[in-house]
PDB file of all heavy atoms in Angstrom:
ATOM      1  N   ALA A   1     154.472  65.141 125.648  1.00  0.00           N
ATOM      2  CA  ALA A   1     155.175  64.812 124.408  1.00  0.00           C
ATOM      3  C   ALA A   1     154.468  63.663 123.694  1.00  0.00           C
ATOM      4  O   ALA A   1     154.476  62.533 124.193  1.00  0.00           O
ATOM      5  CB  ALA A   1     156.623  64.429 124.712  1.00  0.00           C
ATOM      6  N   PRO A   2     153.871  63.912 122.537  1.00  0.00           N
ATOM      7  CA  PRO A   2     153.168  62.847 121.812  1.00  0.00           C
ATOM      8  C   PRO A   2     154.048  61.630 121.515  1.00  0.00           C
ATOM      9  O   PRO A   2     153.582  60.499 121.576  1.00  0.00           O
ATOM     10  CB  PRO A   2     152.729  63.539 120.522  1.00  0.00           C
ATOM     11  CG  PRO A   2     152.619  64.986 120.889  1.00  0.00           C
ATOM     12  CD  PRO A   2     153.721  65.226 121.881  1.00  0.00           C
ATOM     13  N   SER A   3     155.327  61.853 121.216  1.00  0.00           N
ATOM     14  CA  SER A   3     156.215  60.728 120.908  1.00  0.00           C
ATOM     15  C   SER A   3     156.396  59.829 122.127  1.00  0.00           C
ATOM     16  O   SER A   3     156.432  58.600 122.003  1.00  0.00           O
ATOM     17  CB  SER A   3     157.569  61.240 120.427  1.00  0.00           C
ATOM     18  OG  SER A   3     158.204  62.027 121.434  1.00  0.00           O
ATOM     19  N   LEU A   4     156.495  60.420 123.315  1.00  0.00           N
ATOM     20  CA  LEU A   4     156.630  59.630 124.536  1.00  0.00           C
ATOM     21  C   LEU A   4     155.331  58.935 124.884  1.00  0.00           C
ATOM     22  O   LEU A   4     155.334  57.822 125.415  1.00  0.00           O
ATOM     23  CB  LEU A   4     157.067  60.514 125.707  1.00  0.00           C
ATOM     24  CG  LEU A   4     158.562  60.811 125.845  1.00  0.00           C
ATOM     25  CD1 LEU A   4     158.832  61.548 127.146  1.00  0.00           C
ATOM     26  CD2 LEU A   4     159.379  59.519 125.805  1.00  0.00           C
ATOM     27  N   SER A   5     154.222  59.591 124.604  1.00  0.00           N
ATOM     28  CA  SER A   5     152.926  58.971 124.876  1.00  0.00           C
ATOM     29  C   SER A   5     152.753  57.709 124.035  1.00  0.00           C
ATOM     30  O   SER A   5     152.286  56.677 124.516  1.00  0.00           O
ATOM     31  CB  SER A   5     151.798  59.959 124.572  1.00  0.00           C
ATOM     32  OG  SER A   5     150.543  59.402 124.878  1.00  0.00           O
ATOM     33  N   ARG A   6     153.174  57.782 122.777  1.00  0.00           N
ATOM     34  CA  ARG A   6     153.106  56.595 121.920  1.00  0.00           C
ATOM     35  C   ARG A   6     154.048  55.507 122.426  1.00  0.00           C
ATOM     36  O   ARG A   6     153.725  54.317 122.391  1.00  0.00           O
ATOM     37  CB  ARG A   6     153.442  56.983 120.477  1.00  0.00           C
ATOM     38  CG  ARG A   6     152.364  57.830 119.787  1.00  0.00           C
ATOM     39  CD  ARG A   6     152.626  57.959 118.306  1.00  0.00           C
ATOM     40  NE  ARG A   6     153.827  58.734 118.031  1.00  0.00           N
ATOM     41  CZ  ARG A   6     153.851  60.060 117.881  1.00  0.00           C
ATOM     42  NH1 ARG A   6     152.728  60.750 117.986  1.00  0.00           N
ATOM     43  NH2 ARG A   6     154.972  60.695 117.618  1.00  0.00           N
ATOM     44  N   LEU A   7     155.228  55.923 122.911  1.00  0.00           N
ATOM     45  CA  LEU A   7     156.180  54.955 123.450  1.00  0.00           C
ATOM     46  C   LEU A   7     155.630  54.299 124.714  1.00  0.00           C
ATOM     47  O   LEU A   7     155.851  53.114 124.965  1.00  0.00           O
ATOM     48  CB  LEU A   7     157.510  55.656 123.738  1.00  0.00           C
ATOM     49  CG  LEU A   7     158.772  54.795 123.825  1.00  0.00           C
ATOM     50  CD1 LEU A   7     158.984  54.030 122.519  1.00  0.00           C
ATOM     51  CD2 LEU A   7     159.983  55.659 124.126  1.00  0.00           C
ATOM     52  N   ASP A   8     154.915  55.074 125.511  1.00  0.00           N
ATOM     53  CA  ASP A   8     154.288  54.522 126.715  1.00  0.00           C
ATOM     54  C   ASP A   8     153.243  53.476 126.351  1.00  0.00           C
ATOM     55  O   ASP A   8     153.111  52.446 127.030  1.00  0.00           O
ATOM     56  CB  ASP A   8     153.657  55.656 127.527  1.00  0.00           C
ATOM     57  CG  ASP A   8     153.080  55.164 128.842  1.00  0.00           C
ATOM     58  OD1 ASP A   8     153.872  54.875 129.770  1.00  0.00           O
ATOM     59  OD2 ASP A   8     151.850  55.067 128.943  1.00  0.00           O
ATOM     60  N   GLU A   9     152.509  53.718 125.285  1.00  0.00           N
ATOM     61  CA  GLU A   9     151.529  52.734 124.822  1.00  0.00           C
ATOM     62  C   GLU A   9     152.228  51.457 124.353  1.00  0.00           C
ATOM     63  O   GLU A   9     151.761  50.346 124.633  1.00  0.00           O
ATOM     64  CB  GLU A   9     150.693  53.322 123.693  1.00  0.00           C
ATOM     65  CG  GLU A   9     149.779  54.469 124.139  1.00  0.00           C
ATOM     66  CD  GLU A   9     149.080  55.135 122.972  1.00  0.00           C
ATOM     67  OE1 GLU A   9     149.353  54.721 121.817  1.00  0.00           O
ATOM     68  OE2 GLU A   9     148.288  56.060 123.205  1.00  0.00           O
ATOM     69  N   ARG A  10     153.360  51.610 123.668  1.00  0.00           N
ATOM     70  CA  ARG A  10     154.132  50.443 123.222  1.00  0.00           C
ATOM     71  C   ARG A  10     154.677  49.669 124.417  1.00  0.00           C
ATOM     72  O   ARG A  10     154.696  48.437 124.415  1.00  0.00           O
ATOM     73  CB  ARG A  10     155.279  50.890 122.316  1.00  0.00           C
ATOM     74  CG  ARG A  10     154.874  51.323 120.917  1.00  0.00           C
ATOM     75  CD  ARG A  10     156.097  51.732 120.112  1.00  0.00           C
ATOM     76  NE  ARG A  10     157.104  50.673 120.099  1.00  0.00           N
ATOM     77  CZ  ARG A  10     158.399  50.883 119.849  1.00  0.00           C
ATOM     78  NH1 ARG A  10     158.843  52.113 119.615  1.00  0.00           N
ATOM     79  NH2 ARG A  10     159.236  49.861 119.830  1.00  0.00           N
ATOM     80  N   LEU A  11     155.121  50.386 125.434  1.00  0.00           N
ATOM     81  CA  LEU A  11     155.627  49.733 126.637  1.00  0.00           C
ATOM     82  C   LEU A  11     154.526  48.926 127.313  1.00  0.00           C
ATOM     83  O   LEU A  11     154.747  47.779 127.742  1.00  0.00           O
ATOM     84  CB  LEU A  11     156.186  50.771 127.607  1.00  0.00           C
ATOM     85  CG  LEU A  11     156.654  50.238 128.961  1.00  0.00           C
ATOM     86  CD1 LEU A  11     157.885  49.352 128.797  1.00  0.00           C
ATOM     87  CD2 LEU A  11     156.967  51.388 129.923  1.00  0.00           C
ATOM     88  N   ALA A  12     153.340  49.509 127.422  1.00  0.00           N
ATOM     89  CA  ALA A  12     152.218  48.813 128.055  1.00  0.00           C
ATOM     90  C   ALA A  12     151.872  47.543 127.283  1.00  0.00           C
ATOM     91  O   ALA A  12     151.603  46.493 127.881  1.00  0.00           O
ATOM     92  CB  ALA A  12     151.003  49.744 128.136  1.00  0.00           C
ATOM     93  N   GLU A  13     151.902  47.612 125.966  1.00  0.00           N
ATOM     94  CA  GLU A  13     151.596  46.440 125.154  1.00  0.00           C
ATOM     95  C   GLU A  13     152.694  45.382 125.277  1.00  0.00           C
ATOM     96  O   GLU A  13     152.408  44.182 125.371  1.00  0.00           O
ATOM     97  CB  GLU A  13     151.433  46.851 123.690  1.00  0.00           C
ATOM     98  CG  GLU A  13     151.156  45.695 122.735  1.00  0.00           C
ATOM     99  CD  GLU A  13     149.944  44.867 123.147  1.00  0.00           C
ATOM    100  OE1 GLU A  13     148.972  45.444 123.663  1.00  0.00           O
ATOM    101  OE2 GLU A  13     149.985  43.636 122.951  1.00  0.00           O
ATOM    102  N   ALA A  14     153.961  45.815 125.302  1.00  0.00           N
ATOM    103  CA  ALA A  14     155.078  44.873 125.454  1.00  0.00           C
ATOM    104  C   ALA A  14     154.998  44.166 126.804  1.00  0.00           C
ATOM    105  O   ALA A  14     155.276  42.962 126.907  1.00  0.00           O
ATOM    106  CB  ALA A  14     156.412  45.615 125.321  1.00  0.00           C
ATOM    107  N   TYR A  15     154.598  44.898 127.840  1.00  0.00           N
ATOM    108  CA  TYR A  15     154.463  44.299 129.164  1.00  0.00           C
ATOM    109  C   TYR A  15     153.329  43.282 129.193  1.00  0.00           C
ATOM    110  O   TYR A  15     153.483  42.172 129.717  1.00  0.00           O
ATOM    111  CB  TYR A  15     154.229  45.394 130.204  1.00  0.00           C
ATOM    112  CG  TYR A  15     153.767  44.849 131.536  1.00  0.00           C
ATOM    113  CD1 TYR A  15     154.607  44.082 132.327  1.00  0.00           C
ATOM    114  CD2 TYR A  15     152.473  45.093 131.996  1.00  0.00           C
ATOM    115  CE1 TYR A  15     154.179  43.557 133.545  1.00  0.00           C
ATOM    116  CE2 TYR A  15     152.035  44.583 133.206  1.00  0.00           C
ATOM    117  CZ  TYR A  15     152.892  43.818 133.970  1.00  0.00           C
ATOM    118  OH  TYR A  15     152.469  43.297 135.164  1.00  0.00           O
ATOM    119  N   ARG A  16     152.191  43.628 128.624  1.00  0.00           N
ATOM    120  CA  ARG A  16     151.056  42.695 128.597  1.00  0.00           C
ATOM    121  C   ARG A  16     151.432  41.409 127.851  1.00  0.00           C
ATOM    122  O   ARG A  16     151.089  40.305 128.280  1.00  0.00           O
ATOM    123  CB  ARG A  16     149.841  43.348 127.939  1.00  0.00           C
ATOM    124  CG  ARG A  16     149.118  44.352 128.832  1.00  0.00           C
ATOM    125  CD  ARG A  16     147.769  44.715 128.254  1.00  0.00           C
ATOM    126  NE  ARG A  16     147.908  45.456 127.009  1.00  0.00           N
ATOM    127  CZ  ARG A  16     147.946  46.788 126.933  1.00  0.00           C
ATOM    128  NH1 ARG A  16     147.861  47.512 128.037  1.00  0.00           N
ATOM    129  NH2 ARG A  16     148.067  47.393 125.764  1.00  0.00           N
ATOM    130  N   SER A  17     152.135  41.582 126.734  1.00  0.00           N
ATOM    131  CA  SER A  17     152.534  40.422 125.946  1.00  0.00           C
ATOM    132  C   SER A  17     153.537  39.565 126.706  1.00  0.00           C
ATOM    133  O   SER A  17     153.417  38.336 126.740  1.00  0.00           O
ATOM    134  CB  SER A  17     153.153  40.891 124.619  1.00  0.00           C
ATOM    135  OG  SER A  17     153.606  39.798 123.856  1.00  0.00           O
ATOM    136  N   ALA A  18     154.516  40.192 127.364  1.00  0.00           N
ATOM    137  CA  ALA A  18     155.531  39.451 128.112  1.00  0.00           C
ATOM    138  C   ALA A  18     154.906  38.730 129.293  1.00  0.00           C
ATOM    139  O   ALA A  18     155.271  37.588 129.610  1.00  0.00           O
ATOM    140  CB  ALA A  18     156.627  40.396 128.585  1.00  0.00           C
ATOM    141  N   ARG A  19     153.965  39.368 129.963  1.00  0.00           N
ATOM    142  CA  ARG A  19     153.346  38.773 131.150  1.00  0.00           C
ATOM    143  C   ARG A  19     152.542  37.531 130.794  1.00  0.00           C
ATOM    144  O   ARG A  19     152.341  36.653 131.633  1.00  0.00           O
ATOM    145  CB  ARG A  19     152.455  39.801 131.836  1.00  0.00           C
ATOM    146  CG  ARG A  19     152.032  39.401 133.243  1.00  0.00           C
ATOM    147  CD  ARG A  19     151.235  40.505 133.923  1.00  0.00           C
ATOM    148  NE  ARG A  19     150.948  40.146 135.312  1.00  0.00           N
ATOM    149  CZ  ARG A  19     149.955  39.370 135.707  1.00  0.00           C
ATOM    150  NH1 ARG A  19     149.133  38.857 134.795  1.00  0.00           N
ATOM    151  NH2 ARG A  19     149.772  39.103 136.994  1.00  0.00           N
ATOM    152  N   ALA A  20     152.096  37.436 129.556  1.00  0.00           N
ATOM    153  CA  ALA A  20     151.301  36.287 129.138  1.00  0.00           C
ATOM    154  C   ALA A  20     152.171  35.078 128.803  1.00  0.00           C
ATOM    155  O   ALA A  20     151.653  33.976 128.634  1.00  0.00           O
ATOM    156  CB  ALA A  20     150.458  36.649 127.916  1.00  0.00           C
ATOM    157  N   ARG A  21     153.500  35.282 128.751  1.00  0.00           N
ATOM    158  CA  ARG A  21     154.378  34.189 128.313  1.00  0.00           C
ATOM    159  C   ARG A  21     154.859  33.274 129.428  1.00  0.00           C
ATOM    160  O   ARG A  21     154.701  32.061 129.332  1.00  0.00           O
ATOM    161  CB  ARG A  21     155.587  34.768 127.563  1.00  0.00           C
ATOM    162  CG  ARG A  21     155.228  35.355 126.224  1.00  0.00           C
ATOM    163  CD  ARG A  21     156.457  35.907 125.514  1.00  0.00           C
ATOM    164  NE  ARG A  21     156.110  37.118 124.803  1.00  0.00           N
ATOM    165  CZ  ARG A  21     156.843  38.211 124.787  1.00  0.00           C
ATOM    166  NH1 ARG A  21     157.973  38.250 125.456  1.00  0.00           N
ATOM    167  NH2 ARG A  21     156.455  39.263 124.118  1.00  0.00           N
ATOM    168  N   PRO A  22     155.506  33.795 130.479  1.00  0.00           N
ATOM    169  CA  PRO A  22     156.107  32.874 131.458  1.00  0.00           C
ATOM    170  C   PRO A  22     155.076  32.181 132.330  1.00  0.00           C
ATOM    171  O   PRO A  22     153.935  32.611 132.450  1.00  0.00           O
ATOM    172  CB  PRO A  22     157.003  33.799 132.299  1.00  0.00           C
ATOM    173  CG  PRO A  22     156.344  35.129 132.218  1.00  0.00           C
ATOM    174  CD  PRO A  22     155.737  35.203 130.844  1.00  0.00           C
ATOM    175  N   ALA A  23     155.543  31.083 132.959  1.00  0.00           N
ATOM    176  CA  ALA A  23     154.648  30.315 133.829  1.00  0.00           C
ATOM    177  C   ALA A  23     154.380  31.038 135.139  1.00  0.00           C
ATOM    178  O   ALA A  23     153.450  30.700 135.862  1.00  0.00           O
ATOM    179  CB  ALA A  23     155.250  28.939 134.096  1.00  0.00           C
ATOM    180  N   THR A  24     155.201  32.031 135.473  1.00  0.00           N
ATOM    181  CA  THR A  24     155.041  32.779 136.724  1.00  0.00           C
ATOM    182  C   THR A  24     154.874  34.270 136.420  1.00  0.00           C
ATOM    183  O   THR A  24     155.809  35.061 136.595  1.00  0.00           O
ATOM    184  CB  THR A  24     156.257  32.573 137.644  1.00  0.00           C
ATOM    185  OG1 THR A  24     157.463  32.869 136.900  1.00  0.00           O
ATOM    186  CG2 THR A  24     156.322  31.133 138.125  1.00  0.00           C
ATOM    187  N   PRO A  25     153.698  34.679 135.942  1.00  0.00           N
ATOM    188  CA  PRO A  25     153.490  36.091 135.598  1.00  0.00           C
ATOM    189  C   PRO A  25     153.640  37.027 136.786  1.00  0.00           C
ATOM    190  O   PRO A  25     153.969  38.201 136.622  1.00  0.00           O
ATOM    191  CB  PRO A  25     152.061  36.114 135.037  1.00  0.00           C
ATOM    192  CG  PRO A  25     151.402  34.901 135.606  1.00  0.00           C
ATOM    193  CD  PRO A  25     152.480  33.873 135.706  1.00  0.00           C
ATOM    194  N   GLY A  26     153.413  36.522 138.007  1.00  0.00           N
ATOM    195  CA  GLY A  26     153.569  37.367 139.179  1.00  0.00           C
ATOM    196  C   GLY A  26     154.990  37.864 139.340  1.00  0.00           C
ATOM    197  O   GLY A  26     155.227  38.999 139.766  1.00  0.00           O
ATOM    198  N   THR A  27     155.966  37.031 139.001  1.00  0.00           N
ATOM    199  CA  THR A  27     157.369  37.442 139.068  1.00  0.00           C
ATOM    200  C   THR A  27     157.638  38.576 138.099  1.00  0.00           C
ATOM    201  O   THR A  27     158.325  39.553 138.434  1.00  0.00           O
ATOM    202  CB  THR A  27     158.287  36.247 138.739  1.00  0.00           C
ATOM    203  OG1 THR A  27     158.100  35.230 139.716  1.00  0.00           O
ATOM    204  CG2 THR A  27     159.749  36.673 138.742  1.00  0.00           C
ATOM    205  N   LEU A  28     157.091  38.459 136.897  1.00  0.00           N
ATOM    206  CA  LEU A  28     157.316  39.507 135.905  1.00  0.00           C
ATOM    207  C   LEU A  28     156.649  40.814 136.329  1.00  0.00           C
ATOM    208  O   LEU A  28     157.186  41.897 136.105  1.00  0.00           O
ATOM    209  CB  LEU A  28     156.801  39.059 134.542  1.00  0.00           C
ATOM    210  CG  LEU A  28     157.344  39.897 133.385  1.00  0.00           C
ATOM    211  CD1 LEU A  28     157.824  38.999 132.259  1.00  0.00           C
ATOM    212  CD2 LEU A  28     156.288  40.861 132.872  1.00  0.00           C
ATOM    213  N   THR A  29     155.488  40.722 136.963  1.00  0.00           N
ATOM    214  CA  THR A  29     154.805  41.921 137.444  1.00  0.00           C
ATOM    215  C   THR A  29     155.664  42.663 138.469  1.00  0.00           C
ATOM    216  O   THR A  29     155.826  43.888 138.399  1.00  0.00           O
ATOM    217  CB  THR A  29     153.452  41.555 138.075  1.00  0.00           C
ATOM    218  OG1 THR A  29     152.609  40.983 137.073  1.00  0.00           O
ATOM    219  CG2 THR A  29     152.766  42.779 138.655  1.00  0.00           C
TER     220      THR A  29
END
């Protein structure tokens, strides 16, 4: 499903951005 594939890309980007914020990225992982 192309719509889900695009959503998966958005999820990956949201995760990368969130992981860069807290002082303990390992917890977020």
